[in-house]
């Protein structure tokens, strides 16, 4: 997620706190989205690098059960992204680009 409306001089890519009227709620949602996306990445990594599946061709590693779990994890991330888009302060972040990089000062 990237900042669509950076504050002047804010080229860090971090969401600006300018205009926030609801405390850190939007940043909390971004943190949740980031955690959900990390969970997706960890799951993909674990399946692709499972030593027990080393001799299994990559396409066959992704069984219907594993694909269902991946879709479940991706759906959780999508639900959080939708909450960000619907949030009154959601305009300060773009949920279509990259991972959340954190709060300013982290």
C-alpha atoms as a PDB file:
ATOM      1  CA  UNK A   1       0.000   0.000   0.000  1.00  0.00           C
ATOM      2  CA  UNK A   2       1.330   3.358  -0.898  1.00  0.00           C
ATOM      3  CA  UNK A   3       0.423   6.879   0.032  1.00  0.00           C
ATOM      4  CA  UNK A   4      -1.716   8.455  -2.697  1.00  0.00           C
ATOM      5  CA  UNK A   5      -1.491  11.922  -1.138  1.00  0.00           C
ATOM      6  CA  UNK A   6       1.944  12.387   0.419  1.00  0.00           C
ATOM      7  CA  UNK A   7       2.584  15.393   2.586  1.00  0.00           C
ATOM      8  CA  UNK A   8       4.990  17.922   1.065  1.00  0.00           C
ATOM      9  CA  UNK A   9       8.506  16.553   1.415  1.00  0.00           C
ATOM     10  CA  UNK A  10       7.245  13.071   2.333  1.00  0.00           C
ATOM     11  CA  UNK A  11       8.917  10.870  -0.250  1.00  0.00           C
ATOM     12  CA  UNK A  12       9.271   7.921   2.130  1.00  0.00           C
ATOM     13  CA  UNK A  13       6.238   6.095   0.781  1.00  0.00           C
ATOM     14  CA  UNK A  14       4.830   5.968   4.291  1.00  0.00           C
ATOM     15  CA  UNK A  15       1.235   7.085   4.720  1.00  0.00           C
ATOM     16  CA  UNK A  16       1.034  10.668   5.898  1.00  0.00           C
ATOM     17  CA  UNK A  17      -0.737  11.356   9.170  1.00  0.00           C
ATOM     18  CA  UNK A  18      -2.035  14.675   7.786  1.00  0.00           C
ATOM     19  CA  UNK A  19      -5.820  14.772   7.839  1.00  0.00           C
ATOM     20  CA  UNK A  20      -6.341  11.790  10.109  1.00  0.00           C
ATOM     21  CA  UNK A  21      -9.359  12.406  12.264  1.00  0.00           C
ATOM     22  CA  UNK A  22      -9.895   8.911  13.594  1.00  0.00           C
ATOM     23  CA  UNK A  23      -6.608   8.336  15.359  1.00  0.00           C
ATOM     24  CA  UNK A  24      -4.528   5.422  14.222  1.00  0.00           C
ATOM     25  CA  UNK A  25      -7.476   3.330  13.033  1.00  0.00           C
ATOM     26  CA  UNK A  26      -6.444   3.431   9.370  1.00  0.00           C
ATOM     27  CA  UNK A  27      -2.892   2.458  10.309  1.00  0.00           C
ATOM     28  CA  UNK A  28      -4.202  -0.420  12.411  1.00  0.00           C
ATOM     29  CA  UNK A  29      -6.158  -1.646   9.387  1.00  0.00           C
ATOM     30  CA  UNK A  30      -3.032  -1.323   7.248  1.00  0.00           C
ATOM     31  CA  UNK A  31      -1.092  -3.346   9.819  1.00  0.00           C
ATOM     32  CA  UNK A  32      -3.801  -6.033   9.683  1.00  0.00           C
ATOM     33  CA  UNK A  33      -3.658  -6.087   5.875  1.00  0.00           C
ATOM     34  CA  UNK A  34       0.115  -6.361   5.986  1.00  0.00           C
ATOM     35  CA  UNK A  35      -0.042  -9.249   8.463  1.00  0.00           C
ATOM     36  CA  UNK A  36      -2.617 -11.033   6.297  1.00  0.00           C
ATOM     37  CA  UNK A  37      -0.447 -10.605   3.198  1.00  0.00           C
ATOM     38  CA  UNK A  38       2.588 -11.913   5.085  1.00  0.00           C
ATOM     39  CA  UNK A  39       0.532 -14.955   6.052  1.00  0.00           C
ATOM     40  CA  UNK A  40      -0.220 -15.561   2.358  1.00  0.00           C
ATOM     41  CA  UNK A  41       3.461 -15.212   1.469  1.00  0.00           C
ATOM     42  CA  UNK A  42       4.556 -17.544   4.265  1.00  0.00           C
ATOM     43  CA  UNK A  43       2.034 -20.172   3.205  1.00  0.00           C
ATOM     44  CA  UNK A  44       3.173 -20.030  -0.433  1.00  0.00           C
ATOM     45  CA  UNK A  45       6.803 -20.212   0.686  1.00  0.00           C
ATOM     46  CA  UNK A  46       6.110 -23.174   2.978  1.00  0.00           C
ATOM     47  CA  UNK A  47       4.419 -25.163   0.212  1.00  0.00           C
ATOM     48  CA  UNK A  48       7.017 -24.290  -2.413  1.00  0.00           C
ATOM     49  CA  UNK A  49       9.934 -25.116  -0.101  1.00  0.00           C
ATOM     50  CA  UNK A  50       8.576 -28.097   1.855  1.00  0.00           C
ATOM     51  CA  UNK A  51      11.409 -30.682   2.005  1.00  0.00           C
ATOM     52  CA  UNK A  52       8.822 -33.474   1.991  1.00  0.00           C
ATOM     53  CA  UNK A  53       7.677 -32.242  -1.426  1.00  0.00           C
ATOM     54  CA  UNK A  54      11.153 -31.754  -2.891  1.00  0.00           C
ATOM     55  CA  UNK A  55      10.666 -34.448  -5.528  1.00  0.00           C
ATOM     56  CA  UNK A  56       7.119 -33.399  -6.380  1.00  0.00           C
ATOM     57  CA  UNK A  57       6.844 -31.135  -9.448  1.00  0.00           C
ATOM     58  CA  UNK A  58       5.788 -27.585  -8.451  1.00  0.00           C
ATOM     59  CA  UNK A  59       2.404 -27.809 -10.201  1.00  0.00           C
ATOM     60  CA  UNK A  60       1.515 -30.982  -8.322  1.00  0.00           C
ATOM     61  CA  UNK A  61       2.432 -29.493  -4.949  1.00  0.00           C
ATOM     62  CA  UNK A  62      -0.617 -27.272  -5.159  1.00  0.00           C
ATOM     63  CA  UNK A  63      -3.370 -29.750  -4.409  1.00  0.00           C
ATOM     64  CA  UNK A  64      -7.016 -28.629  -4.332  1.00  0.00           C
ATOM     65  CA  UNK A  65      -6.804 -28.502  -0.523  1.00  0.00           C
ATOM     66  CA  UNK A  66      -3.731 -26.270  -0.603  1.00  0.00           C
ATOM     67  CA  UNK A  67      -5.301 -24.027  -3.230  1.00  0.00           C
ATOM     68  CA  UNK A  68      -8.442 -23.725  -1.092  1.00  0.00           C
ATOM     69  CA  UNK A  69      -6.323 -22.687   1.909  1.00  0.00           C
ATOM     70  CA  UNK A  70      -4.449 -20.149  -0.225  1.00  0.00           C
ATOM     71  CA  UNK A  71      -7.726 -18.681  -1.472  1.00  0.00           C
ATOM     72  CA  UNK A  72      -8.989 -18.491   2.110  1.00  0.00           C
ATOM     73  CA  UNK A  73      -5.891 -16.545   3.168  1.00  0.00           C
ATOM     74  CA  UNK A  74      -6.124 -14.257   0.144  1.00  0.00           C
ATOM     75  CA  UNK A  75      -9.806 -13.670   0.896  1.00  0.00           C
ATOM     76  CA  UNK A  76      -8.948 -12.584   4.428  1.00  0.00           C
ATOM     77  CA  UNK A  77      -6.498 -10.041   3.024  1.00  0.00           C
ATOM     78  CA  UNK A  78      -9.064  -8.868   0.481  1.00  0.00           C
ATOM     79  CA  UNK A  79     -11.662  -8.340   3.203  1.00  0.00           C
ATOM     80  CA  UNK A  80      -9.268  -6.120   5.148  1.00  0.00           C
ATOM     81  CA  UNK A  81      -8.349  -4.207   1.978  1.00  0.00           C
ATOM     82  CA  UNK A  82     -12.062  -3.603   1.378  1.00  0.00           C
ATOM     83  CA  UNK A  83     -12.420  -2.242   4.926  1.00  0.00           C
ATOM     84  CA  UNK A  84      -9.558   0.159   4.198  1.00  0.00           C
ATOM     85  CA  UNK A  85     -11.174   1.296   0.946  1.00  0.00           C
ATOM     86  CA  UNK A  86     -14.489   1.863   2.740  1.00  0.00           C
ATOM     87  CA  UNK A  87     -12.890   3.696   5.682  1.00  0.00           C
ATOM     88  CA  UNK A  88     -13.428   7.484   5.741  1.00  0.00           C
ATOM     89  CA  UNK A  89      -9.635   7.943   5.813  1.00  0.00           C
ATOM     90  CA  UNK A  90      -8.994   5.163   3.307  1.00  0.00           C
ATOM     91  CA  UNK A  91      -8.143   7.702   0.630  1.00  0.00           C
ATOM     92  CA  UNK A  92      -4.680   8.218   2.140  1.00  0.00           C
ATOM     93  CA  UNK A  93      -3.516   4.718   1.176  1.00  0.00           C
ATOM     94  CA  UNK A  94      -3.700   2.757  -2.054  1.00  0.00           C
ATOM     95  CA  UNK A  95      -4.514  -0.878  -1.323  1.00  0.00           C
ATOM     96  CA  UNK A  96      -3.729  -1.915  -4.889  1.00  0.00           C
ATOM     97  CA  UNK A  97       0.030  -1.379  -4.710  1.00  0.00           C
ATOM     98  CA  UNK A  98       2.637  -3.262  -2.728  1.00  0.00           C
ATOM     99  CA  UNK A  99       2.806  -4.115   0.961  1.00  0.00           C
ATOM    100  CA  UNK A 100       2.143  -1.807   3.851  1.00  0.00           C
ATOM    101  CA  UNK A 101       5.477  -0.416   4.943  1.00  0.00           C
ATOM    102  CA  UNK A 102       4.466   0.527   8.475  1.00  0.00           C
ATOM    103  CA  UNK A 103       3.740   3.601  10.456  1.00  0.00           C
ATOM    104  CA  UNK A 104       5.954   6.652  10.370  1.00  0.00           C
ATOM    105  CA  UNK A 105       8.683   6.200  12.948  1.00  0.00           C
ATOM    106  CA  UNK A 106       8.693   2.405  12.844  1.00  0.00           C
END
